[in-house]
């Protein structure tokens, strides 16, 4: 199975849709995140979202935007059968930069996230594949 998304934004960006589980168990939140193959953080989102989905705290991360708060979160891509706890970082300046490209973008995923998948793209779209091995 795979998720395919046409590039969008100005400039055009690859992106994926991910689902976060609210920490209080009251539901899920779907977000569109830019794909940053050189990003050193698995997930970067805004701090207010991070507080809603935090399972437990994680270490701070030094970035070129300043210190980022880390939290363990549940992240899913249901269509691919992917569900895993990962560390996400709250960094509002990254979200602002993503939104400057397209208002739908709510952050980014980086290489630690992408290593869970096979991924690629062509001139029109970005794709993400996952093969669950029990």
N, C-alpha and C. Protein backbone atom coordinates (compact mmCIF):
# COMPACT_ATOMS: atom_id res chain seq x y z
N UNK A 1 0.84 -1.18 0.00
CA UNK A 1 0.00 0.00 0.00
C UNK A 1 0.88 1.23 0.00
N UNK A 2 0.33 2.32 -0.52
CA UNK A 2 1.11 3.54 -0.55
C UNK A 2 0.20 4.76 -0.45
N UNK A 3 0.81 5.85 -0.05
CA UNK A 3 0.16 7.15 -0.05
C UNK A 3 0.84 7.97 -1.14
N UNK A 4 0.07 8.51 -2.05
CA UNK A 4 0.59 9.36 -3.13
C UNK A 4 -0.06 10.73 -3.02
N UNK A 5 0.77 11.76 -3.10
CA UNK A 5 0.26 13.13 -3.01
C UNK A 5 0.94 14.00 -4.06
N UNK A 6 0.16 14.77 -4.81
CA UNK A 6 0.77 15.70 -5.76
C UNK A 6 1.50 16.81 -5.00
N UNK A 7 2.62 17.25 -5.54
CA UNK A 7 3.33 18.37 -4.93
C UNK A 7 2.40 19.57 -4.87
N UNK A 8 2.57 20.39 -3.83
CA UNK A 8 1.78 21.62 -3.77
C UNK A 8 2.56 22.67 -3.00
N UNK A 9 2.11 23.89 -3.14
CA UNK A 9 2.75 25.01 -2.48
C UNK A 9 3.54 25.85 -3.46
N UNK A 10 4.12 26.91 -2.92
CA UNK A 10 4.98 27.80 -3.71
C UNK A 10 6.20 28.12 -2.88
N UNK A 11 7.32 27.51 -3.13
CA UNK A 11 7.56 26.56 -4.22
C UNK A 11 6.88 25.21 -3.94
N UNK A 12 6.77 24.38 -4.97
CA UNK A 12 6.14 23.06 -4.82
C UNK A 12 6.91 22.22 -3.81
N UNK A 13 6.17 21.52 -2.95
CA UNK A 13 6.77 20.71 -1.89
C UNK A 13 6.16 19.32 -1.85
N UNK A 14 6.98 18.30 -1.54
CA UNK A 14 6.41 16.98 -1.24
C UNK A 14 5.79 17.02 0.16
N UNK A 15 4.72 16.27 0.35
CA UNK A 15 4.05 16.27 1.65
C UNK A 15 3.36 14.93 1.86
N UNK A 16 3.05 14.66 3.13
CA UNK A 16 2.28 13.47 3.48
C UNK A 16 1.23 13.85 4.51
N UNK A 17 0.20 13.02 4.61
CA UNK A 17 -0.83 13.19 5.63
C UNK A 17 -0.57 12.18 6.73
N UNK A 18 -0.51 12.66 7.97
CA UNK A 18 -0.31 11.79 9.12
C UNK A 18 -1.42 12.04 10.14
N UNK A 19 -1.66 11.05 10.98
CA UNK A 19 -2.69 11.13 12.00
C UNK A 19 -2.02 11.02 13.36
N UNK A 20 -2.36 11.95 14.25
CA UNK A 20 -1.87 11.91 15.62
C UNK A 20 -3.01 11.56 16.55
N UNK A 21 -2.71 10.76 17.56
CA UNK A 21 -3.72 10.40 18.57
C UNK A 21 -3.65 11.40 19.71
N UNK A 22 -4.80 11.95 20.10
CA UNK A 22 -4.82 12.87 21.24
C UNK A 22 -4.43 12.12 22.51
N UNK A 23 -3.66 12.77 23.35
CA UNK A 23 -3.15 12.14 24.56
C UNK A 23 -4.26 11.71 25.52
N UNK A 24 -5.37 12.43 25.51
CA UNK A 24 -6.47 12.09 26.42
C UNK A 24 -7.39 11.01 25.85
N UNK A 25 -7.05 10.49 24.67
CA UNK A 25 -7.85 9.42 24.08
C UNK A 25 -9.15 9.88 23.45
N UNK A 26 -9.35 11.18 23.32
CA UNK A 26 -10.64 11.70 22.85
C UNK A 26 -10.76 11.77 21.32
N UNK A 27 -9.73 11.36 20.61
CA UNK A 27 -9.84 11.41 19.16
C UNK A 27 -8.49 11.50 18.49
N UNK A 28 -8.55 11.79 17.21
CA UNK A 28 -7.34 11.86 16.40
C UNK A 28 -7.33 13.16 15.60
N UNK A 29 -6.14 13.57 15.21
CA UNK A 29 -5.94 14.82 14.47
C UNK A 29 -5.10 14.50 13.24
N UNK A 30 -5.61 14.85 12.05
CA UNK A 30 -4.87 14.62 10.81
C UNK A 30 -4.21 15.92 10.37
N UNK A 31 -2.94 15.82 9.98
CA UNK A 31 -2.18 16.99 9.54
C UNK A 31 -1.40 16.67 8.27
N UNK A 32 -1.19 17.70 7.46
CA UNK A 32 -0.34 17.59 6.28
C UNK A 32 1.03 18.17 6.63
N UNK A 33 2.07 17.35 6.46
CA UNK A 33 3.42 17.74 6.82
C UNK A 33 4.35 17.69 5.61
N UNK A 34 5.17 18.71 5.46
CA UNK A 34 6.17 18.75 4.40
C UNK A 34 7.19 17.63 4.64
N UNK A 35 7.67 17.05 3.57
CA UNK A 35 8.72 16.03 3.63
C UNK A 35 10.07 16.75 3.49
N UNK A 36 10.92 16.59 4.51
CA UNK A 36 12.26 17.19 4.52
C UNK A 36 13.27 16.05 4.65
N UNK A 37 13.76 15.56 3.51
CA UNK A 37 14.65 14.39 3.54
C UNK A 37 15.97 14.67 4.25
N UNK A 38 16.30 15.92 4.47
CA UNK A 38 17.52 16.24 5.22
C UNK A 38 17.25 16.61 6.66
N UNK A 39 15.99 16.56 7.08
CA UNK A 39 15.62 16.93 8.44
C UNK A 39 16.11 15.91 9.47
N UNK A 40 16.68 16.39 10.57
CA UNK A 40 17.22 15.49 11.60
C UNK A 40 16.19 15.09 12.65
N UNK A 41 15.03 15.70 12.62
CA UNK A 41 13.95 15.35 13.56
C UNK A 41 12.90 14.52 12.82
N UNK A 42 12.34 13.54 13.52
CA UNK A 42 11.29 12.72 12.90
C UNK A 42 10.10 13.59 12.51
N UNK A 43 9.65 14.42 13.46
CA UNK A 43 8.44 15.23 13.24
C UNK A 43 8.64 16.58 13.92
N UNK A 44 8.27 17.63 13.21
CA UNK A 44 8.26 18.98 13.78
C UNK A 44 6.89 19.59 13.52
N UNK A 45 6.23 19.99 14.61
CA UNK A 45 4.88 20.55 14.55
C UNK A 45 4.81 21.75 15.50
N UNK A 46 3.66 22.41 15.56
CA UNK A 46 3.58 23.54 16.48
C UNK A 46 3.40 23.06 17.92
N UNK A 47 3.78 23.91 18.84
CA UNK A 47 3.78 23.53 20.26
C UNK A 47 2.38 23.25 20.78
N UNK A 48 1.38 23.98 20.34
CA UNK A 48 0.02 23.75 20.85
C UNK A 48 -0.48 22.36 20.46
N UNK A 49 -0.18 21.92 19.24
CA UNK A 49 -0.55 20.55 18.84
C UNK A 49 0.25 19.54 19.66
N UNK A 50 1.52 19.80 19.85
CA UNK A 50 2.36 18.87 20.61
C UNK A 50 1.79 18.62 22.00
N UNK A 51 1.32 19.66 22.67
CA UNK A 51 0.76 19.51 24.01
C UNK A 51 -0.51 18.67 24.00
N UNK A 52 -1.28 18.70 22.92
CA UNK A 52 -2.51 17.91 22.83
C UNK A 52 -2.24 16.42 22.62
N UNK A 53 -1.09 16.08 22.05
CA UNK A 53 -0.82 14.69 21.66
C UNK A 53 0.32 14.05 22.46
N UNK A 54 0.92 14.79 23.38
CA UNK A 54 2.07 14.29 24.13
C UNK A 54 1.71 13.11 25.03
N UNK A 55 2.45 12.00 24.87
CA UNK A 55 2.32 10.85 25.75
C UNK A 55 3.22 11.04 26.97
N UNK A 56 4.47 11.42 26.69
CA UNK A 56 5.43 11.71 27.75
C UNK A 56 6.53 12.61 27.15
N UNK A 57 7.21 13.36 27.99
CA UNK A 57 8.26 14.26 27.50
C UNK A 57 9.45 13.50 26.91
N UNK A 58 10.15 14.17 26.01
CA UNK A 58 11.41 13.68 25.45
C UNK A 58 12.43 14.81 25.59
N UNK A 59 13.66 14.54 25.23
CA UNK A 59 14.72 15.54 25.34
C UNK A 59 14.47 16.74 24.44
N UNK A 60 15.06 17.86 24.83
CA UNK A 60 15.07 19.04 23.97
C UNK A 60 15.99 18.79 22.79
N UNK A 61 15.78 19.52 21.71
CA UNK A 61 16.65 19.42 20.54
C UNK A 61 17.11 20.82 20.16
N UNK A 62 18.43 20.96 19.96
CA UNK A 62 18.96 22.23 19.46
C UNK A 62 18.75 22.29 17.96
N UNK A 63 18.21 23.41 17.49
CA UNK A 63 17.97 23.59 16.06
C UNK A 63 18.46 24.98 15.64
N UNK A 64 18.48 25.22 14.34
CA UNK A 64 18.83 26.56 13.87
C UNK A 64 17.72 27.57 14.15
N UNK A 65 16.57 27.11 14.64
CA UNK A 65 15.47 27.98 15.05
C UNK A 65 15.43 28.15 16.56
N UNK A 66 16.37 27.56 17.28
CA UNK A 66 16.37 27.61 18.74
C UNK A 66 16.07 26.24 19.32
N UNK A 67 15.87 26.19 20.65
CA UNK A 67 15.56 24.92 21.31
C UNK A 67 14.14 24.49 21.00
N UNK A 68 13.99 23.20 20.75
CA UNK A 68 12.67 22.63 20.47
C UNK A 68 12.31 21.64 21.56
N UNK A 69 11.09 21.75 22.08
CA UNK A 69 10.61 20.81 23.08
C UNK A 69 10.25 19.49 22.40
N UNK A 70 10.63 18.38 23.03
CA UNK A 70 10.33 17.07 22.47
C UNK A 70 9.30 16.32 23.27
N UNK A 71 8.51 15.51 22.59
CA UNK A 71 7.50 14.67 23.23
C UNK A 71 7.33 13.38 22.44
N UNK A 72 7.09 12.30 23.16
CA UNK A 72 6.70 11.05 22.51
C UNK A 72 5.23 11.16 22.16
N UNK A 73 4.88 10.76 20.93
CA UNK A 73 3.50 10.83 20.43
C UNK A 73 3.19 9.56 19.64
N UNK A 74 1.89 9.27 19.53
CA UNK A 74 1.44 8.21 18.62
C UNK A 74 1.22 8.84 17.26
N UNK A 75 1.83 8.26 16.24
CA UNK A 75 1.63 8.73 14.87
C UNK A 75 1.16 7.56 14.02
N UNK A 76 0.24 7.83 13.12
CA UNK A 76 -0.35 6.78 12.28
C UNK A 76 -0.48 7.25 10.84
N UNK A 77 -0.43 6.29 9.96
CA UNK A 77 -0.89 6.45 8.58
C UNK A 77 -1.77 5.23 8.35
N UNK A 78 -3.05 5.36 8.69
CA UNK A 78 -3.95 4.19 8.69
C UNK A 78 -4.00 3.42 7.38
N UNK A 79 -4.02 4.11 6.27
CA UNK A 79 -4.10 3.45 4.96
C UNK A 79 -2.92 2.50 4.74
N UNK A 80 -1.78 2.82 5.35
CA UNK A 80 -0.58 2.00 5.19
C UNK A 80 -0.41 0.97 6.32
N UNK A 81 -1.26 1.01 7.33
CA UNK A 81 -1.12 0.11 8.46
C UNK A 81 0.02 0.50 9.38
N UNK A 82 0.43 1.76 9.34
CA UNK A 82 1.54 2.24 10.16
C UNK A 82 1.02 2.91 11.42
N UNK A 83 1.55 2.50 12.56
CA UNK A 83 1.25 3.11 13.86
C UNK A 83 2.46 2.90 14.74
N UNK A 84 2.98 3.99 15.29
CA UNK A 84 4.20 3.89 16.08
C UNK A 84 4.34 5.11 17.00
N UNK A 85 4.95 4.89 18.15
CA UNK A 85 5.34 6.02 19.00
C UNK A 85 6.64 6.59 18.45
N UNK A 86 6.66 7.90 18.29
CA UNK A 86 7.86 8.59 17.79
C UNK A 86 8.03 9.89 18.57
N UNK A 87 9.22 10.46 18.49
CA UNK A 87 9.46 11.75 19.12
C UNK A 87 9.13 12.85 18.12
N UNK A 88 8.29 13.77 18.56
CA UNK A 88 7.94 14.96 17.78
C UNK A 88 8.46 16.17 18.55
N UNK A 89 8.77 17.22 17.81
CA UNK A 89 9.27 18.45 18.42
C UNK A 89 8.35 19.60 18.11
N UNK A 90 8.11 20.43 19.13
CA UNK A 90 7.30 21.62 18.97
C UNK A 90 8.16 22.80 18.59
N UNK A 91 7.98 23.28 17.38
CA UNK A 91 8.80 24.38 16.88
C UNK A 91 7.93 25.24 15.97
N UNK A 92 7.34 26.27 16.53
CA UNK A 92 6.39 27.10 15.80
C UNK A 92 7.01 27.76 14.57
N UNK A 93 8.28 28.08 14.62
CA UNK A 93 8.92 28.74 13.47
C UNK A 93 9.01 27.81 12.27
N UNK A 94 9.15 26.50 12.49
CA UNK A 94 9.15 25.55 11.38
C UNK A 94 7.77 25.50 10.73
N UNK A 95 6.74 25.53 11.56
CA UNK A 95 5.37 25.52 11.03
C UNK A 95 5.11 26.80 10.24
N UNK A 96 5.58 27.93 10.73
CA UNK A 96 5.39 29.19 10.00
C UNK A 96 6.08 29.13 8.63
N UNK A 97 7.28 28.54 8.59
CA UNK A 97 7.99 28.41 7.31
C UNK A 97 7.23 27.48 6.37
N UNK A 98 6.68 26.39 6.91
CA UNK A 98 5.91 25.46 6.08
C UNK A 98 4.66 26.14 5.54
N UNK A 99 3.95 26.87 6.40
CA UNK A 99 2.72 27.56 5.99
C UNK A 99 2.99 28.65 4.96
N UNK A 100 4.21 29.18 4.93
CA UNK A 100 4.56 30.18 3.93
C UNK A 100 4.51 29.58 2.53
N UNK A 101 4.72 28.27 2.43
CA UNK A 101 4.64 27.57 1.14
C UNK A 101 3.19 27.23 0.79
N UNK A 102 2.43 26.76 1.78
CA UNK A 102 1.00 26.43 1.56
C UNK A 102 0.30 26.42 2.90
N UNK A 103 -0.87 27.01 2.97
CA UNK A 103 -1.59 27.14 4.24
C UNK A 103 -2.02 25.80 4.85
N UNK A 104 -2.05 24.72 4.05
CA UNK A 104 -2.42 23.40 4.59
C UNK A 104 -1.30 22.76 5.40
N UNK A 105 -0.06 23.20 5.21
CA UNK A 105 1.06 22.54 5.85
C UNK A 105 1.16 22.93 7.32
N UNK A 106 1.35 21.91 8.17
CA UNK A 106 1.37 22.10 9.62
C UNK A 106 2.67 21.66 10.27
N UNK A 107 3.75 21.56 9.50
CA UNK A 107 5.03 21.15 10.04
C UNK A 107 5.78 20.32 9.03
N UNK A 108 6.67 19.45 9.55
CA UNK A 108 7.49 18.64 8.64
C UNK A 108 7.82 17.29 9.24
N UNK A 109 8.15 16.36 8.37
CA UNK A 109 8.74 15.08 8.78
C UNK A 109 10.14 15.03 8.18
N UNK A 110 11.06 14.42 8.93
CA UNK A 110 12.44 14.33 8.48
C UNK A 110 12.89 12.89 8.32
N UNK A 111 14.19 12.73 8.14
CA UNK A 111 14.76 11.43 7.84
C UNK A 111 14.46 10.35 8.89
N UNK A 112 14.50 10.64 10.20
CA UNK A 112 14.16 9.57 11.16
C UNK A 112 12.76 9.00 10.95
N UNK A 113 11.82 9.82 10.49
CA UNK A 113 10.48 9.34 10.16
C UNK A 113 10.51 8.55 8.86
N UNK A 114 11.14 9.12 7.85
CA UNK A 114 11.15 8.52 6.52
C UNK A 114 11.84 7.16 6.47
N UNK A 115 12.79 6.93 7.37
CA UNK A 115 13.49 5.64 7.39
C UNK A 115 12.56 4.46 7.68
N UNK A 116 11.38 4.73 8.19
CA UNK A 116 10.39 3.68 8.45
C UNK A 116 9.74 3.18 7.15
N UNK A 117 9.97 3.88 6.05
CA UNK A 117 9.23 3.65 4.81
C UNK A 117 10.16 3.51 3.62
N UNK A 118 9.58 3.13 2.51
CA UNK A 118 10.19 3.32 1.20
C UNK A 118 9.50 4.56 0.65
N UNK A 119 10.25 5.46 0.06
CA UNK A 119 9.65 6.69 -0.42
C UNK A 119 10.34 7.17 -1.69
N UNK A 120 9.66 8.03 -2.41
CA UNK A 120 10.23 8.58 -3.63
C UNK A 120 9.26 9.52 -4.29
N UNK A 121 9.59 9.90 -5.49
CA UNK A 121 8.72 10.81 -6.21
C UNK A 121 9.14 10.93 -7.66
N UNK A 122 8.31 11.63 -8.39
CA UNK A 122 8.61 11.94 -9.79
C UNK A 122 8.30 13.42 -10.00
N UNK A 123 8.13 13.84 -11.22
CA UNK A 123 7.90 15.27 -11.47
C UNK A 123 6.53 15.75 -10.99
N UNK A 124 5.62 14.82 -10.67
CA UNK A 124 4.26 15.21 -10.31
C UNK A 124 3.85 14.94 -8.86
N UNK A 125 4.43 13.91 -8.24
CA UNK A 125 3.94 13.51 -6.92
C UNK A 125 5.02 12.84 -6.09
N UNK A 126 4.75 12.80 -4.79
CA UNK A 126 5.60 12.12 -3.82
C UNK A 126 4.82 10.90 -3.32
N UNK A 127 5.53 9.78 -3.10
CA UNK A 127 4.85 8.59 -2.61
C UNK A 127 5.60 8.02 -1.40
N UNK A 128 4.84 7.31 -0.59
CA UNK A 128 5.33 6.69 0.63
C UNK A 128 4.76 5.29 0.70
N UNK A 129 5.61 4.29 0.91
CA UNK A 129 5.16 2.89 1.02
C UNK A 129 5.63 2.33 2.35
N UNK A 130 4.80 1.43 2.88
CA UNK A 130 5.14 0.79 4.16
C UNK A 130 4.74 -0.67 4.08
N UNK A 131 5.66 -1.53 4.46
CA UNK A 131 5.34 -2.95 4.53
C UNK A 131 5.50 -3.40 5.96
N UNK A 132 4.37 -3.67 6.60
CA UNK A 132 4.38 -4.08 8.00
C UNK A 132 4.91 -5.51 8.10
N UNK A 133 5.94 -5.67 8.92
CA UNK A 133 6.50 -6.99 9.19
C UNK A 133 6.30 -7.28 10.66
N UNK A 134 5.38 -8.21 11.00
CA UNK A 134 5.09 -8.49 12.42
C UNK A 134 6.27 -9.10 13.15
